[in-house]
Amino acid sequence: MTPAAHIALRNVSVRFPVLSFRDRSLRSRFVNAMTLRRTTATPHIVSALNDVNLDIRAGDRVAIIGANGAGKTTLLRVLAGIYHPTSGSVDVLGRCLPLFDLSAGFDEEATGYENIMRRGLVIGARRSEIDAKRGEIAAFTELGDRLDLPRRTYSSGMMLRLIFAVATAVEGEIVLLDEWIGVGDQQFRKKARQRLDEIVVRAGILVLASHDIELIKSTCNRAILLEEGWIVAAGATDEILGQYLGGAKA
């Protein structure tokens, strides 16, 4: 465990400007261009997160719970540095391992080996680090000579093996998970689950966004409940789950 791992969010808000479908439509843009009319559409502002305050320290296993659209994925992306807050501050100490958006960085025409390097760089690994783990990643995929072929020749199961192997080859002090990852056939899923369990055990911090109540109970010691981008409750897992499930039944 890395004692230095720490996450601190202070009054973090994330807002996205979104044009209406009418303003974004091809017909609308064509008419504006043909008539030389300037559009004065005011974008609708979506508040994905509102004044979020968090203090997560080494040893914490934190579940983010809430209904779809509550802001769980947005919060994970803020922690990973993918989204920058509209206001507030984010202080993250420790290397983040974001285990979501796993296919980002892969190229259909690149070989499996080339995609190992591409994806590794996307998740922040150094080139030398990826080179050192190249054989280990290849062995874990069990794809053999197929790694010399372009990605477009892979089945969906083969692609999942490659994606998972690369994503979990580089460890971090802070692991960010958007739902637990299950990939491949039964034998490979067992191997993947074992690797994921090992990564989580060694991590200083785990932040898990999930709807799986049993997984949250068995994995997390703390939970936060999000509603429409607001943290409405935070505390011990059982307490927050009770509040969430009680509200869902009401």
C-alpha atoms as a PDB file:
ATOM      1  CA  MET A   1       0.000   0.000   0.000  1.00  0.00           C
ATOM      2  CA  THR A   2       1.194   3.527  -0.774  1.00  0.00           C
ATOM      3  CA  PRO A   3       0.676   5.778   2.270  1.00  0.00           C
ATOM      4  CA  ALA A   4       1.053   8.923   0.120  1.00  0.00           C
ATOM      5  CA  ALA A   5      -2.019   8.170  -2.016  1.00  0.00           C
ATOM      6  CA  HIS A   6      -4.564  10.918  -1.443  1.00  0.00           C
ATOM      7  CA  ILE A   7      -7.482  12.575  -3.237  1.00  0.00           C
ATOM      8  CA  ALA A   8      -8.898  15.952  -2.242  1.00  0.00           C
ATOM      9  CA  LEU A   9     -11.724  17.717  -4.094  1.00  0.00           C
ATOM     10  CA  ARG A  10     -12.839  21.154  -2.985  1.00  0.00           C
ATOM     11  CA  ASN A  11     -16.090  22.657  -4.301  1.00  0.00           C
ATOM     12  CA  VAL A  12     -15.704  20.925  -7.662  1.00  0.00           C
ATOM     13  CA  SER A  13     -18.354  21.630 -10.275  1.00  0.00           C
ATOM     14  CA  VAL A  14     -18.465  20.439 -13.875  1.00  0.00           C
ATOM     15  CA  ARG A  15     -20.816  22.022 -16.389  1.00  0.00           C
ATOM     16  CA  PHE A  16     -21.207  21.221 -20.079  1.00  0.00           C
ATOM     17  CA  PRO A  17     -22.764  23.549 -22.690  1.00  0.00           C
ATOM     18  CA  VAL A  18     -25.100  21.538 -24.929  1.00  0.00           C
ATOM     19  CA  LEU A  19     -26.862  22.869 -28.028  1.00  0.00           C
ATOM     20  CA  SER A  20     -30.391  21.682 -28.653  1.00  0.00           C
ATOM     21  CA  PHE A  21     -30.976  19.117 -31.393  1.00  0.00           C
ATOM     22  CA  ARG A  22     -32.617  21.810 -33.508  1.00  0.00           C
ATOM     23  CA  ASP A  23     -29.531  24.033 -33.314  1.00  0.00           C
ATOM     24  CA  ARG A  24     -27.206  21.122 -34.108  1.00  0.00           C
ATOM     25  CA  SER A  25     -29.220  19.693 -37.018  1.00  0.00           C
ATOM     26  CA  LEU A  26     -27.704  19.594 -40.509  1.00  0.00           C
ATOM     27  CA  ARG A  27     -30.773  21.315 -41.969  1.00  0.00           C
ATOM     28  CA  SER A  28     -30.483  24.197 -39.489  1.00  0.00           C
ATOM     29  CA  ARG A  29     -26.806  24.704 -40.245  1.00  0.00           C
ATOM     30  CA  PHE A  30     -27.474  24.532 -44.031  1.00  0.00           C
ATOM     31  CA  VAL A  31     -30.234  27.170 -43.843  1.00  0.00           C
ATOM     32  CA  ASN A  32     -28.016  29.443 -41.762  1.00  0.00           C
ATOM     33  CA  ALA A  33     -25.167  29.097 -44.244  1.00  0.00           C
ATOM     34  CA  MET A  34     -27.365  29.722 -47.303  1.00  0.00           C
ATOM     35  CA  THR A  35     -28.997  32.807 -45.795  1.00  0.00           C
ATOM     36  CA  LEU A  36     -25.729  34.054 -44.232  1.00  0.00           C
ATOM     37  CA  ARG A  37     -27.616  34.169 -40.975  1.00  0.00           C
ATOM     38  CA  ARG A  38     -25.610  34.170 -37.786  1.00  0.00           C
ATOM     39  CA  THR A  39     -26.854  31.764 -35.181  1.00  0.00           C
ATOM     40  CA  THR A  40     -27.471  33.241 -31.780  1.00  0.00           C
ATOM     41  CA  ALA A  41     -28.482  30.015 -30.094  1.00  0.00           C
ATOM     42  CA  THR A  42     -27.751  29.952 -26.396  1.00  0.00           C
ATOM     43  CA  PRO A  43     -26.468  26.538 -25.328  1.00  0.00           C
ATOM     44  CA  HIS A  44     -28.230  24.707 -22.537  1.00  0.00           C
ATOM     45  CA  ILE A  45     -25.908  24.209 -19.555  1.00  0.00           C
ATOM     46  CA  VAL A  46     -25.857  20.737 -18.031  1.00  0.00           C
ATOM     47  CA  SER A  47     -24.558  20.563 -14.453  1.00  0.00           C
ATOM     48  CA  ALA A  48     -22.864  17.188 -14.169  1.00  0.00           C
ATOM     49  CA  LEU A  49     -21.266  17.836 -10.762  1.00  0.00           C
ATOM     50  CA  ASN A  50     -22.117  20.479  -8.163  1.00  0.00           C
ATOM     51  CA  ASP A  51     -19.844  21.674  -5.340  1.00  0.00           C
ATOM     52  CA  VAL A  52     -18.362  18.236  -4.719  1.00  0.00           C
ATOM     53  CA  ASN A  53     -16.073  17.928  -1.686  1.00  0.00           C
ATOM     54  CA  LEU A  54     -14.148  14.704  -1.103  1.00  0.00           C
ATOM     55  CA  ASP A  55     -11.239  13.586   1.038  1.00  0.00           C
ATOM     56  CA  ILE A  56     -10.051  10.052   0.210  1.00  0.00           C
ATOM     57  CA  ARG A  57      -6.940   8.621   1.841  1.00  0.00           C
ATOM     58  CA  ALA A  58      -4.749   5.542   1.556  1.00  0.00           C
ATOM     59  CA  GLY A  59      -6.649   2.404   2.530  1.00  0.00           C
ATOM     60  CA  ASP A  60     -10.025   3.758   1.449  1.00  0.00           C
ATOM     61  CA  ARG A  61     -12.221   1.672  -0.854  1.00  0.00           C
ATOM     62  CA  VAL A  62     -14.916   4.113  -1.909  1.00  0.00           C
ATOM     63  CA  ALA A  63     -18.099   3.233  -3.790  1.00  0.00           C
ATOM     64  CA  ILE A  64     -19.854   5.879  -5.867  1.00  0.00           C
ATOM     65  CA  ILE A  65     -23.534   5.034  -6.022  1.00  0.00           C
ATOM     66  CA  GLY A  66     -26.573   6.664  -7.539  1.00  0.00           C
ATOM     67  CA  ALA A  67     -29.049   6.377 -10.384  1.00  0.00           C
ATOM     68  CA  ASN A  68     -28.035   6.606 -14.018  1.00  0.00           C
ATOM     69  CA  GLY A  69     -27.123  10.205 -14.819  1.00  0.00           C
ATOM     70  CA  ALA A  70     -26.239  11.029 -11.205  1.00  0.00           C
ATOM     71  CA  GLY A  71     -22.663  12.005 -12.163  1.00  0.00           C
ATOM     72  CA  LYS A  72     -20.717   8.860 -11.261  1.00  0.00           C
ATOM     73  CA  THR A  73     -18.750   8.543 -14.513  1.00  0.00           C
ATOM     74  CA  THR A  74     -18.131  12.291 -14.631  1.00  0.00           C
ATOM     75  CA  LEU A  75     -16.633  12.151 -11.156  1.00  0.00           C
ATOM     76  CA  LEU A  76     -14.331   9.289 -12.134  1.00  0.00           C
ATOM     77  CA  ARG A  77     -13.179  11.232 -15.203  1.00  0.00           C
ATOM     78  CA  VAL A  78     -12.429  14.258 -13.055  1.00  0.00           C
ATOM     79  CA  LEU A  79     -10.306  12.098 -10.754  1.00  0.00           C
ATOM     80  CA  ALA A  80      -8.490  10.658 -13.777  1.00  0.00           C
ATOM     81  CA  GLY A  81      -7.780  14.126 -15.169  1.00  0.00           C
ATOM     82  CA  ILE A  82      -9.892  13.528 -18.289  1.00  0.00           C
ATOM     83  CA  TYR A  83     -12.363  16.260 -17.338  1.00  0.00           C
ATOM     84  CA  HIS A  84     -11.268  19.522 -15.764  1.00  0.00           C
ATOM     85  CA  PRO A  85     -13.618  21.177 -13.294  1.00  0.00           C
ATOM     86  CA  THR A  86     -15.478  24.325 -14.274  1.00  0.00           C
ATOM     87  CA  SER A  87     -14.784  25.547 -10.762  1.00  0.00           C
ATOM     88  CA  GLY A  88     -13.113  24.223  -7.638  1.00  0.00           C
ATOM     89  CA  SER A  89      -9.852  22.331  -7.193  1.00  0.00           C
ATOM     90  CA  VAL A  90      -8.702  18.730  -7.622  1.00  0.00           C
ATOM     91  CA  ASP A  91      -5.601  17.474  -5.799  1.00  0.00           C
ATOM     92  CA  VAL A  92      -4.576  13.880  -6.554  1.00  0.00           C
ATOM     93  CA  LEU A  93      -1.400  12.393  -5.084  1.00  0.00           C
ATOM     94  CA  GLY A  94      -0.417   9.021  -6.556  1.00  0.00           C
ATOM     95  CA  ARG A  95      -0.510   7.441  -9.969  1.00  0.00           C
ATOM     96  CA  CYS A  96      -4.052   6.842 -11.247  1.00  0.00           C
ATOM     97  CA  LEU A  97      -5.028   3.675 -13.074  1.00  0.00           C
ATOM     98  CA  PRO A  98      -8.333   4.462 -14.831  1.00  0.00           C
ATOM     99  CA  LEU A  99     -10.037   1.179 -15.755  1.00  0.00           C
ATOM    100  CA  PHE A 100     -12.738   2.620 -17.991  1.00  0.00           C
ATOM    101  CA  ASP A 101     -12.921   3.830 -21.602  1.00  0.00           C
ATOM    102  CA  LEU A 102     -10.646   0.838 -22.144  1.00  0.00           C
ATOM    103  CA  SER A 103     -10.689   0.861 -25.940  1.00  0.00           C
ATOM    104  CA  ALA A 104      -9.373   4.435 -26.258  1.00  0.00           C
ATOM    105  CA  GLY A 105      -6.088   4.560 -28.171  1.00  0.00           C
ATOM    106  CA  PHE A 106      -6.550   1.357 -30.156  1.00  0.00           C
ATOM    107  CA  ASP A 107      -6.211   1.420 -33.958  1.00  0.00           C
ATOM    108  CA  GLU A 108      -8.070  -0.958 -36.292  1.00  0.00           C
ATOM    109  CA  GLU A 109      -5.138  -1.209 -38.707  1.00  0.00           C
ATOM    110  CA  ALA A 110      -2.380  -1.548 -36.092  1.00  0.00           C
ATOM    111  CA  THR A 111      -1.232  -4.991 -34.949  1.00  0.00           C
ATOM    112  CA  GLY A 112      -1.864  -6.308 -31.468  1.00  0.00           C
ATOM    113  CA  TYR A 113       1.709  -5.536 -30.469  1.00  0.00           C
ATOM    114  CA  GLU A 114       1.475  -2.000 -31.873  1.00  0.00           C
ATOM    115  CA  ASN A 115      -1.784  -1.460 -30.010  1.00  0.00           C
ATOM    116  CA  ILE A 116      -0.157  -2.575 -26.767  1.00  0.00           C
ATOM    117  CA  MET A 117       2.244   0.359 -27.105  1.00  0.00           C
ATOM    118  CA  ARG A 118      -0.465   2.804 -28.241  1.00  0.00           C
ATOM    119  CA  ARG A 119      -2.841   2.013 -25.374  1.00  0.00           C
ATOM    120  CA  GLY A 120      -0.017   1.939 -22.843  1.00  0.00           C
ATOM    121  CA  LEU A 121       0.982   5.486 -23.773  1.00  0.00           C
ATOM    122  CA  VAL A 122      -2.662   6.609 -23.560  1.00  0.00           C
ATOM    123  CA  ILE A 123      -2.934   5.435 -19.941  1.00  0.00           C
ATOM    124  CA  GLY A 124       0.249   7.303 -19.029  1.00  0.00           C
ATOM    125  CA  ALA A 125       2.859   4.556 -19.023  1.00  0.00           C
ATOM    126  CA  ARG A 126       6.399   5.272 -20.209  1.00  0.00           C
ATOM    127  CA  ARG A 127       7.586   3.662 -23.431  1.00  0.00           C
ATOM    128  CA  SER A 128      10.325   1.802 -21.551  1.00  0.00           C
ATOM    129  CA  GLU A 129       7.752   0.526 -19.059  1.00  0.00           C
ATOM    130  CA  ILE A 130       5.547  -0.855 -21.827  1.00  0.00           C
ATOM    131  CA  ASP A 131       8.538  -2.463 -23.553  1.00  0.00           C
ATOM    132  CA  ALA A 132       9.470  -4.180 -20.302  1.00  0.00           C
ATOM    133  CA  LYS A 133       5.937  -5.579 -19.890  1.00  0.00           C
ATOM    134  CA  ARG A 134       5.335  -6.434 -23.552  1.00  0.00           C
ATOM    135  CA  GLY A 135       6.027 -10.150 -23.113  1.00  0.00           C
ATOM    136  CA  GLU A 136       3.937 -10.361 -19.948  1.00  0.00           C
ATOM    137  CA  ILE A 137       0.990  -8.636 -21.648  1.00  0.00           C
ATOM    138  CA  ALA A 138       1.249 -10.903 -24.693  1.00  0.00           C
ATOM    139  CA  ALA A 139       1.330 -14.032 -22.522  1.00  0.00           C
ATOM    140  CA  PHE A 140      -1.690 -12.884 -20.509  1.00  0.00           C
ATOM    141  CA  THR A 141      -3.808 -12.407 -23.656  1.00  0.00           C
ATOM    142  CA  GLU A 142      -3.119 -15.998 -24.794  1.00  0.00           C
ATOM    143  CA  LEU A 143      -3.412 -14.694 -28.387  1.00  0.00           C
ATOM    144  CA  GLY A 144      -0.009 -15.969 -29.567  1.00  0.00           C
ATOM    145  CA  ASP A 145       0.796 -15.167 -33.215  1.00  0.00           C
ATOM    146  CA  ARG A 146      -2.491 -13.292 -33.568  1.00  0.00           C
ATOM    147  CA  LEU A 147      -0.743 -10.315 -31.965  1.00  0.00           C
ATOM    148  CA  ASP A 148       1.153  -9.844 -35.248  1.00  0.00           C
ATOM    149  CA  LEU A 149      -2.161  -9.289 -37.085  1.00  0.00           C
ATOM    150  CA  PRO A 150      -4.209  -6.042 -37.350  1.00  0.00           C
ATOM    151  CA  ARG A 151      -6.864  -5.420 -34.749  1.00  0.00           C
ATOM    152  CA  ARG A 152      -9.608  -5.541 -37.423  1.00  0.00           C
ATOM    153  CA  THR A 153      -9.014  -9.307 -37.736  1.00  0.00           C
ATOM    154  CA  TYR A 154      -9.837  -9.906 -34.062  1.00  0.00           C
ATOM    155  CA  SER A 155     -13.089 -11.278 -32.731  1.00  0.00           C
ATOM    156  CA  SER A 156     -14.780  -9.306 -29.953  1.00  0.00           C
ATOM    157  CA  GLY A 157     -13.523 -11.851 -27.399  1.00  0.00           C
ATOM    158  CA  MET A 158      -9.940 -11.517 -28.625  1.00  0.00           C
ATOM    159  CA  MET A 159     -10.191  -7.744 -28.479  1.00  0.00           C
ATOM    160  CA  LEU A 160     -11.481  -7.852 -24.899  1.00  0.00           C
ATOM    161  CA  ARG A 161      -8.493  -9.996 -23.901  1.00  0.00           C
ATOM    162  CA  LEU A 162      -6.061  -7.502 -25.422  1.00  0.00           C
ATOM    163  CA  ILE A 163      -7.804  -4.479 -23.934  1.00  0.00           C
ATOM    164  CA  PHE A 164      -7.910  -5.980 -20.449  1.00  0.00           C
ATOM    165  CA  ALA A 165      -4.308  -7.212 -20.539  1.00  0.00           C
ATOM    166  CA  VAL A 166      -2.961  -3.790 -21.479  1.00  0.00           C
ATOM    167  CA  ALA A 167      -5.226  -1.888 -19.087  1.00  0.00           C
ATOM    168  CA  THR A 168      -4.148  -3.940 -16.080  1.00  0.00           C
ATOM    169  CA  ALA A 169      -0.444  -4.321 -16.921  1.00  0.00           C
ATOM    170  CA  VAL A 170       0.413  -0.949 -15.411  1.00  0.00           C
ATOM    171  CA  GLU A 171      -0.428  -0.590 -11.737  1.00  0.00           C
ATOM    172  CA  GLY A 172      -1.324   2.580  -9.897  1.00  0.00           C
ATOM    173  CA  GLU A 173      -1.634   3.809  -6.350  1.00  0.00           C
ATOM    174  CA  ILE A 174      -5.191   4.902  -7.179  1.00  0.00           C
ATOM    175  CA  VAL A 175      -7.484   2.528  -9.085  1.00  0.00           C
ATOM    176  CA  LEU A 176     -10.595   4.001 -10.713  1.00  0.00           C
ATOM    177  CA  LEU A 177     -13.252   1.514 -11.822  1.00  0.00           C
ATOM    178  CA  ASP A 178     -16.531   2.127 -13.654  1.00  0.00           C
ATOM    179  CA  GLU A 179     -18.227  -1.202 -12.906  1.00  0.00           C
ATOM    180  CA  TRP A 180     -16.191  -4.352 -12.330  1.00  0.00           C
ATOM    181  CA  ILE A 181     -14.606  -5.763 -15.469  1.00  0.00           C
ATOM    182  CA  GLY A 182     -15.639  -9.202 -16.698  1.00  0.00           C
ATOM    183  CA  VAL A 183     -14.134 -10.342 -20.003  1.00  0.00           C
ATOM    184  CA  GLY A 184     -13.845 -13.380 -22.230  1.00  0.00           C
ATOM    185  CA  ASP A 185     -14.816 -16.988 -21.651  1.00  0.00           C
ATOM    186  CA  GLN A 186     -15.210 -18.562 -18.222  1.00  0.00           C
ATOM    187  CA  GLN A 187     -11.566 -19.613 -17.892  1.00  0.00           C
ATOM    188  CA  PHE A 188     -10.241 -16.197 -18.914  1.00  0.00           C
ATOM    189  CA  ARG A 189     -12.766 -14.389 -16.671  1.00  0.00           C
ATOM    190  CA  LYS A 190     -11.399 -16.311 -13.694  1.00  0.00           C
ATOM    191  CA  LYS A 191      -7.845 -15.260 -14.561  1.00  0.00           C
ATOM    192  CA  ALA A 192      -8.950 -11.656 -15.177  1.00  0.00           C
ATOM    193  CA  ARG A 193     -10.820 -11.496 -11.851  1.00  0.00           C
ATOM    194  CA  GLN A 194      -7.737 -12.771 -10.013  1.00  0.00           C
ATOM    195  CA  ARG A 195      -5.532 -10.114 -11.614  1.00  0.00           C
ATOM    196  CA  LEU A 196      -8.034  -7.369 -10.850  1.00  0.00           C
ATOM    197  CA  ASP A 197      -8.316  -8.505  -7.235  1.00  0.00           C
ATOM    198  CA  GLU A 198      -4.524  -8.378  -6.889  1.00  0.00           C
ATOM    199  CA  ILE A 199      -4.345  -4.865  -8.340  1.00  0.00           C
ATOM    200  CA  VAL A 200      -7.034  -3.626  -5.954  1.00  0.00           C
ATOM    201  CA  VAL A 201      -5.334  -5.208  -2.937  1.00  0.00           C
ATOM    202  CA  ARG A 202      -2.024  -3.524  -3.770  1.00  0.00           C
ATOM    203  CA  ALA A 203      -3.570  -0.136  -4.559  1.00  0.00           C
ATOM    204  CA  GLY A 204      -3.575   2.618  -1.982  1.00  0.00           C
ATOM    205  CA  ILE A 205      -7.064   3.783  -3.000  1.00  0.00           C
ATOM    206  CA  LEU A 206      -9.962   2.248  -4.920  1.00  0.00           C
ATOM    207  CA  VAL A 207     -12.841   4.332  -6.260  1.00  0.00           C
ATOM    208  CA  LEU A 208     -15.580   2.146  -7.722  1.00  0.00           C
ATOM    209  CA  ALA A 209     -18.721   3.347  -9.497  1.00  0.00           C
ATOM    210  CA  SER A 210     -21.175   0.467  -9.605  1.00  0.00           C
ATOM    211  CA  HIS A 211     -24.786  -0.676  -9.353  1.00  0.00           C
ATOM    212  CA  ASP A 212     -23.698  -4.085  -8.014  1.00  0.00           C
ATOM    213  CA  ILE A 213     -24.761  -3.966  -4.359  1.00  0.00           C
ATOM    214  CA  GLU A 214     -23.068  -7.234  -3.338  1.00  0.00           C
ATOM    215  CA  LEU A 215     -19.808  -6.174  -4.977  1.00  0.00           C
ATOM    216  CA  ILE A 216     -19.914  -2.832  -3.179  1.00  0.00           C
ATOM    217  CA  LYS A 217     -20.583  -4.524   0.168  1.00  0.00           C
ATOM    218  CA  SER A 218     -17.698  -6.969  -0.277  1.00  0.00           C
ATOM    219  CA  THR A 219     -15.205  -4.441  -1.638  1.00  0.00           C
ATOM    220  CA  CYS A 220     -15.796  -0.963  -0.219  1.00  0.00           C
ATOM    221  CA  ASN A 221     -15.552   0.479   3.291  1.00  0.00           C
ATOM    222  CA  ARG A 222     -16.976   3.874   2.345  1.00  0.00           C
ATOM    223  CA  ALA A 223     -19.642   5.115  -0.045  1.00  0.00           C
ATOM    224  CA  ILE A 224     -20.926   8.373  -1.440  1.00  0.00           C
ATOM    225  CA  LEU A 225     -24.404   8.853  -2.833  1.00  0.00           C
ATOM    226  CA  LEU A 226     -24.803  11.149  -5.833  1.00  0.00           C
ATOM    227  CA  GLU A 227     -28.050  12.698  -7.022  1.00  0.00           C
ATOM    228  CA  GLU A 228     -28.062  14.977 -10.071  1.00  0.00           C
ATOM    229  CA  GLY A 229     -24.408  15.819  -9.511  1.00  0.00           C
ATOM    230  CA  TRP A 230     -24.718  16.560  -5.791  1.00  0.00           C
ATOM    231  CA  ILE A 231     -23.283  14.474  -2.968  1.00  0.00           C
ATOM    232  CA  VAL A 232     -26.331  13.926  -0.775  1.00  0.00           C
ATOM    233  CA  ALA A 233     -24.753  11.457   1.647  1.00  0.00           C
ATOM    234  CA  ALA A 234     -21.324  10.030   2.500  1.00  0.00           C
ATOM    235  CA  GLY A 235     -20.187   7.574   5.131  1.00  0.00           C
ATOM    236  CA  ALA A 236     -19.904   3.885   5.945  1.00  0.00           C
ATOM    237  CA  THR A 237     -20.945   1.590   3.096  1.00  0.00           C
ATOM    238  CA  ASP A 238     -23.859  -0.126   4.869  1.00  0.00           C
ATOM    239  CA  GLU A 239     -25.295   3.188   6.042  1.00  0.00           C
ATOM    240  CA  ILE A 240     -25.205   4.829   2.604  1.00  0.00           C
ATOM    241  CA  LEU A 241     -26.481   1.727   0.831  1.00  0.00           C
ATOM    242  CA  GLY A 242     -29.378   1.602   3.265  1.00  0.00           C
ATOM    243  CA  GLN A 243     -30.252   5.202   2.465  1.00  0.00           C
ATOM    244  CA  TYR A 244     -29.916   4.600  -1.298  1.00  0.00           C
ATOM    245  CA  LEU A 245     -31.963   1.406  -1.348  1.00  0.00           C
ATOM    246  CA  GLY A 246     -34.565   2.872   0.979  1.00  0.00           C
ATOM    247  CA  GLY A 247     -34.962   5.843  -1.328  1.00  0.00           C
ATOM    248  CA  ALA A 248     -35.151   3.607  -4.394  1.00  0.00           C
ATOM    249  CA  LYS A 249     -38.030   1.622  -2.866  1.00  0.00           C
ATOM    250  CA  ALA A 250     -39.932   4.712  -1.773  1.00  0.00           C
END
